[in-house]
Amino acid sequence: MKVLFVCSGNTCRSPLAVAAWRRACGEMPGLEQIEVDSAGICPEENAPAAPHSLTIAAQWGQDLSEHRAKMFDATHTHSDLIVTMTRDQAEILRAHFGLDENRVRVLGSWVPRRTKREIKAQLQPLWGSDGAKMSSPHDDILDPHGGSFEAYADCAAQIERAVRELAKVLSSSQRLGNG
């Protein structure tokens, strides 16, 4: 099985999702059989991972120093599961590449609803009291690009939580022989 994580620029969120996946592989049986990669919808080709993403991945025991941004293209449509950071990204990929709704999912959709409300409450101070950046659907993991380390850390926490939930589902599937 192949899972592809997708964000906008492929320097912040999707590389962190790969790092979170690799971290989960050391803790959950069956995940090592699943190949993961990342791409962006509109990346600056070959750009390195964002500095804050590198730092957070290192805190997780993961090295993103060799990561280089790449564009989502037709070769990526062969992935078994394409996981985006926002609903808009999922819709763009479905529309542009004719992908089935079940193969393109939003990463945050794996997080239980109660947890999503808690995350929104935690992020409110970072994005401002007016909540302008928090008006997106609950499943969206917002882009921290250009933000503070704290914004990246909170984004990374959302990603790690959602990746762990996804990993539980796929780990069970692999153990049952459905992968």
Foldseek 3Di string as FASTA:
>chain_A
DEEEEEEAAQQAQRVLLVLLLVLVPVVFPLSVVYHYYYAYQHHPFQDAHDPLSQVVSVVSVHGRRNDGHHHDDPVVLPGQAYEYQAPVVLVCCCVVVVHDPVRYYYLLVLADPVVLVVLLVVCCVVVDVVCPVVPGDSSHQDDCVPHDSVNSVSSSVSSSRSSNSVCVVVSVCSVVVND
